[in-house]
């Protein structure tokens, strides 16, 4: 734990006081072989899920799942004598529209969150990748995250379970 110096109000001197680490803090992503990508990814994932819900799943999944448009034919609207199927269909359409609008509204915010916690070297490495101009123009968090992962994943013969799982997925 880091220690900070704090002056005592009565002027008798200094004392050492422990500074508590913020559990929600996201570390700045470093670039290079000894980067902190796994810690960064874990902290960013928690924050993204809290702030953006389903859109925040991007950090762990590597892609965004956009909900499917409800299929009108599956609701049996032709044989709906009491109108309940139509109500279900309309409610599902409202939910679909809300989720798509939420995605469009929060997409640039998630992009900014990912960008905010990159070091200068990390950002430079990502900006040198092919396709960067499109990512920046569209404020596309999905492609940005894929570029960040490509540049920062480290091949390892680690015995740490999280790193072994990550290596198995790639």
Foldseek 3Di string as FASTA:
>chain_A
DDWDWDQDPVRPGIDIDDDDDDPLDAAQFDADQPTPVVSNLVSQLVVLCVPQNQQSCCSVPLAHDQDDQDDPVVLPPVPCPPCPSVVVNVVSNVVSVVRVVSCVVCLLVSLCSVVVRYDPVLVVQLCPDPPNVVCVVSSGNSVSSVSSCVRHLHDDPDPDPVNVVVVVVD
